[in-house]
């Protein structure tokens, strides 16, 4: 779990960490303002079951595009589910084109300012949890 490099907010990460732990995952929270290189190296080292990137500063869209391309460039991370969410732009919700671009760049799901965002995120994490249990 991480923010993008330009985002210094942590309250969102605390909330998400508690939620994801409640859903049965062990969470490594890298915190705020995580440089792309650190996020990539930690993912290569840990090989997470899920990567959650959260942003609330309104610049998450650009930063998320950049970092997911760097993450997906490593074949070792090809199967890691990666999601991004929060306040990804200064104009509120992302357009369908922006969401499509984030998905095409490598995210498995995008959870922005939509009313159903938290419930959709929870369902997504639960589906990852179910899949992980099936593999064990």
C-alpha atoms as a PDB file:
ATOM      1  CA  UNK A   1       0.000   0.000   0.000  1.00  0.00           C
ATOM      2  CA  UNK A   2       1.322   3.409  -0.936  1.00  0.00           C
ATOM      3  CA  UNK A   3       0.533   6.880  -2.113  1.00  0.00           C
ATOM      4  CA  UNK A   4       2.043   8.303  -5.275  1.00  0.00           C
ATOM      5  CA  UNK A   5       5.272  10.256  -5.062  1.00  0.00           C
ATOM      6  CA  UNK A   6       3.576  13.672  -4.965  1.00  0.00           C
ATOM      7  CA  UNK A   7       1.007  12.854  -2.271  1.00  0.00           C
ATOM      8  CA  UNK A   8       1.836  13.594   1.387  1.00  0.00           C
ATOM      9  CA  UNK A   9      -1.518  12.465   2.815  1.00  0.00           C
ATOM     10  CA  UNK A  10      -1.608   9.516   5.200  1.00  0.00           C
ATOM     11  CA  UNK A  11      -5.138   9.428   6.627  1.00  0.00           C
ATOM     12  CA  UNK A  12      -6.345   7.634   3.501  1.00  0.00           C
ATOM     13  CA  UNK A  13      -3.651   4.994   3.921  1.00  0.00           C
ATOM     14  CA  UNK A  14      -4.564   4.391   7.565  1.00  0.00           C
ATOM     15  CA  UNK A  15      -8.216   3.885   6.639  1.00  0.00           C
ATOM     16  CA  UNK A  16      -7.349   1.581   3.740  1.00  0.00           C
ATOM     17  CA  UNK A  17      -4.863  -0.385   5.811  1.00  0.00           C
ATOM     18  CA  UNK A  18      -7.492  -1.085   8.461  1.00  0.00           C
ATOM     19  CA  UNK A  19     -10.026  -2.089   5.814  1.00  0.00           C
ATOM     20  CA  UNK A  20      -7.646  -4.397   3.959  1.00  0.00           C
ATOM     21  CA  UNK A  21      -6.468  -5.977   7.216  1.00  0.00           C
ATOM     22  CA  UNK A  22     -10.104  -6.511   8.205  1.00  0.00           C
ATOM     23  CA  UNK A  23     -10.488  -8.422   4.927  1.00  0.00           C
ATOM     24  CA  UNK A  24      -7.697 -10.798   5.929  1.00  0.00           C
ATOM     25  CA  UNK A  25      -4.560  -9.369   4.357  1.00  0.00           C
ATOM     26  CA  UNK A  26      -1.269  -8.518   6.013  1.00  0.00           C
ATOM     27  CA  UNK A  27      -0.477  -4.951   4.969  1.00  0.00           C
ATOM     28  CA  UNK A  28       2.848  -3.280   4.340  1.00  0.00           C
ATOM     29  CA  UNK A  29       2.112   0.444   4.315  1.00  0.00           C
ATOM     30  CA  UNK A  30       4.934   2.352   2.630  1.00  0.00           C
ATOM     31  CA  UNK A  31       3.385   5.682   3.591  1.00  0.00           C
ATOM     32  CA  UNK A  32       3.252   8.982   1.809  1.00  0.00           C
ATOM     33  CA  UNK A  33       5.419  10.515  -0.926  1.00  0.00           C
ATOM     34  CA  UNK A  34       6.825   7.148  -1.960  1.00  0.00           C
ATOM     35  CA  UNK A  35       9.282   7.516  -4.850  1.00  0.00           C
ATOM     36  CA  UNK A  36       8.530   5.305  -7.850  1.00  0.00           C
ATOM     37  CA  UNK A  37      11.849   3.477  -7.485  1.00  0.00           C
ATOM     38  CA  UNK A  38      11.106   2.549  -3.857  1.00  0.00           C
ATOM     39  CA  UNK A  39       7.644   1.253  -4.720  1.00  0.00           C
ATOM     40  CA  UNK A  40       9.049  -0.862  -7.542  1.00  0.00           C
ATOM     41  CA  UNK A  41      11.880  -2.280  -5.433  1.00  0.00           C
ATOM     42  CA  UNK A  42       9.544  -3.117  -2.532  1.00  0.00           C
ATOM     43  CA  UNK A  43       7.097  -4.867  -4.851  1.00  0.00           C
ATOM     44  CA  UNK A  44       9.920  -6.861  -6.424  1.00  0.00           C
ATOM     45  CA  UNK A  45      11.197  -7.798  -2.974  1.00  0.00           C
ATOM     46  CA  UNK A  46       7.876  -8.660  -1.310  1.00  0.00           C
ATOM     47  CA  UNK A  47       5.786  -9.838  -4.311  1.00  0.00           C
ATOM     48  CA  UNK A  48       2.479  -8.688  -2.797  1.00  0.00           C
ATOM     49  CA  UNK A  49      -0.870 -10.401  -3.317  1.00  0.00           C
ATOM     50  CA  UNK A  50      -2.298  -6.945  -4.059  1.00  0.00           C
ATOM     51  CA  UNK A  51      -0.905  -3.437  -4.548  1.00  0.00           C
ATOM     52  CA  UNK A  52      -3.126  -0.544  -3.475  1.00  0.00           C
ATOM     53  CA  UNK A  53      -2.163   2.989  -4.494  1.00  0.00           C
ATOM     54  CA  UNK A  54      -4.198   5.802  -2.965  1.00  0.00           C
ATOM     55  CA  UNK A  55      -4.059   9.501  -3.664  1.00  0.00           C
ATOM     56  CA  UNK A  56      -6.048  12.432  -2.360  1.00  0.00           C
ATOM     57  CA  UNK A  57      -3.978  15.387  -3.536  1.00  0.00           C
ATOM     58  CA  UNK A  58      -5.647  15.584  -6.944  1.00  0.00           C
ATOM     59  CA  UNK A  59      -2.525  14.657  -8.927  1.00  0.00           C
ATOM     60  CA  UNK A  60      -2.789  10.900  -8.609  1.00  0.00           C
ATOM     61  CA  UNK A  61      -3.834  10.340 -12.194  1.00  0.00           C
ATOM     62  CA  UNK A  62      -0.559  11.486 -13.754  1.00  0.00           C
ATOM     63  CA  UNK A  63       1.619   9.901 -11.080  1.00  0.00           C
ATOM     64  CA  UNK A  64      -0.305   6.624 -11.203  1.00  0.00           C
ATOM     65  CA  UNK A  65       0.101   6.334 -14.972  1.00  0.00           C
ATOM     66  CA  UNK A  66       3.832   6.747 -14.637  1.00  0.00           C
ATOM     67  CA  UNK A  67       4.355   4.349 -11.749  1.00  0.00           C
ATOM     68  CA  UNK A  68       2.136   1.523 -13.033  1.00  0.00           C
ATOM     69  CA  UNK A  69       4.088   1.476 -16.290  1.00  0.00           C
ATOM     70  CA  UNK A  70       7.298   1.138 -14.291  1.00  0.00           C
ATOM     71  CA  UNK A  71       5.803  -1.630 -12.172  1.00  0.00           C
ATOM     72  CA  UNK A  72       4.383  -3.565 -15.121  1.00  0.00           C
ATOM     73  CA  UNK A  73       7.735  -3.362 -16.933  1.00  0.00           C
ATOM     74  CA  UNK A  74       8.932  -6.121 -14.565  1.00  0.00           C
ATOM     75  CA  UNK A  75       7.703  -9.557 -15.615  1.00  0.00           C
ATOM     76  CA  UNK A  76       7.848 -10.655 -11.956  1.00  0.00           C
ATOM     77  CA  UNK A  77       4.962  -8.276 -11.229  1.00  0.00           C
ATOM     78  CA  UNK A  78       2.819  -9.203 -14.222  1.00  0.00           C
ATOM     79  CA  UNK A  79       0.286 -11.164 -12.154  1.00  0.00           C
ATOM     80  CA  UNK A  80       0.109  -8.835  -9.146  1.00  0.00           C
ATOM     81  CA  UNK A  81      -3.312  -7.171  -8.963  1.00  0.00           C
ATOM     82  CA  UNK A  82      -2.777  -3.406  -8.855  1.00  0.00           C
ATOM     83  CA  UNK A  83      -5.447  -0.846  -8.051  1.00  0.00           C
ATOM     84  CA  UNK A  84      -5.504   2.907  -7.717  1.00  0.00           C
ATOM     85  CA  UNK A  85      -8.069   5.124  -6.099  1.00  0.00           C
ATOM     86  CA  UNK A  86      -8.991   8.264  -4.259  1.00  0.00           C
ATOM     87  CA  UNK A  87      -9.066  11.823  -5.511  1.00  0.00           C
ATOM     88  CA  UNK A  88      -7.111  11.255  -8.695  1.00  0.00           C
ATOM     89  CA  UNK A  89      -7.784  14.619 -10.313  1.00  0.00           C
ATOM     90  CA  UNK A  90      -8.557  18.156  -9.309  1.00  0.00           C
ATOM     91  CA  UNK A  91     -11.842  18.125 -11.246  1.00  0.00           C
ATOM     92  CA  UNK A  92     -13.432  15.294  -9.280  1.00  0.00           C
ATOM     93  CA  UNK A  93     -14.292  12.028 -10.966  1.00  0.00           C
ATOM     94  CA  UNK A  94     -12.136  10.763 -13.789  1.00  0.00           C
ATOM     95  CA  UNK A  95     -13.648  10.633 -17.249  1.00  0.00           C
ATOM     96  CA  UNK A  96     -14.264   7.214 -18.738  1.00  0.00           C
ATOM     97  CA  UNK A  97     -11.321   7.896 -21.068  1.00  0.00           C
ATOM     98  CA  UNK A  98      -9.015   8.571 -18.128  1.00  0.00           C
ATOM     99  CA  UNK A  99     -10.174   5.425 -16.340  1.00  0.00           C
ATOM    100  CA  UNK A 100      -9.637   3.443 -19.544  1.00  0.00           C
ATOM    101  CA  UNK A 101      -6.124   4.865 -19.843  1.00  0.00           C
ATOM    102  CA  UNK A 102      -5.279   3.825 -16.256  1.00  0.00           C
ATOM    103  CA  UNK A 103      -6.598   0.331 -16.965  1.00  0.00           C
ATOM    104  CA  UNK A 104      -4.705   0.100 -20.256  1.00  0.00           C
ATOM    105  CA  UNK A 105      -1.512   1.208 -18.497  1.00  0.00           C
ATOM    106  CA  UNK A 106      -1.746  -1.750 -16.136  1.00  0.00           C
ATOM    107  CA  UNK A 107      -4.171  -1.178 -13.289  1.00  0.00           C
ATOM    108  CA  UNK A 108      -6.716  -3.922 -12.664  1.00  0.00           C
ATOM    109  CA  UNK A 109      -9.242  -1.493 -11.190  1.00  0.00           C
ATOM    110  CA  UNK A 110      -9.719   2.239 -10.590  1.00  0.00           C
ATOM    111  CA  UNK A 111     -11.684   3.576  -7.627  1.00  0.00           C
ATOM    112  CA  UNK A 112     -12.159   7.333  -7.837  1.00  0.00           C
ATOM    113  CA  UNK A 113     -14.557   9.803  -6.205  1.00  0.00           C
ATOM    114  CA  UNK A 114     -17.677   7.851  -7.151  1.00  0.00           C
ATOM    115  CA  UNK A 115     -20.237   7.205  -4.433  1.00  0.00           C
ATOM    116  CA  UNK A 116     -19.847   3.429  -4.829  1.00  0.00           C
ATOM    117  CA  UNK A 117     -16.022   3.581  -4.684  1.00  0.00           C
ATOM    118  CA  UNK A 118     -15.534   2.162  -1.168  1.00  0.00           C
ATOM    119  CA  UNK A 119     -18.049  -0.664  -1.679  1.00  0.00           C
ATOM    120  CA  UNK A 120     -16.562  -1.512  -5.075  1.00  0.00           C
ATOM    121  CA  UNK A 121     -13.063  -1.511  -3.579  1.00  0.00           C
ATOM    122  CA  UNK A 122     -14.176  -3.837  -0.792  1.00  0.00           C
ATOM    123  CA  UNK A 123     -15.733  -6.268  -3.311  1.00  0.00           C
ATOM    124  CA  UNK A 124     -12.544  -6.211  -5.382  1.00  0.00           C
ATOM    125  CA  UNK A 125     -10.327  -6.957  -2.374  1.00  0.00           C
ATOM    126  CA  UNK A 126     -12.674  -9.743  -1.275  1.00  0.00           C
ATOM    127  CA  UNK A 127     -12.395 -11.309  -4.738  1.00  0.00           C
ATOM    128  CA  UNK A 128      -8.583 -11.190  -4.472  1.00  0.00           C
ATOM    129  CA  UNK A 129      -8.821 -12.791  -1.023  1.00  0.00           C
ATOM    130  CA  UNK A 130     -11.076 -15.552  -2.381  1.00  0.00           C
ATOM    131  CA  UNK A 131      -8.634 -16.223  -5.237  1.00  0.00           C
ATOM    132  CA  UNK A 132      -5.655 -16.330  -2.866  1.00  0.00           C
ATOM    133  CA  UNK A 133      -7.446 -18.870  -0.648  1.00  0.00           C
ATOM    134  CA  UNK A 134      -8.220 -21.054  -3.675  1.00  0.00           C
ATOM    135  CA  UNK A 135      -4.506 -21.172  -4.553  1.00  0.00           C
ATOM    136  CA  UNK A 136      -3.495 -22.321  -1.059  1.00  0.00           C
END
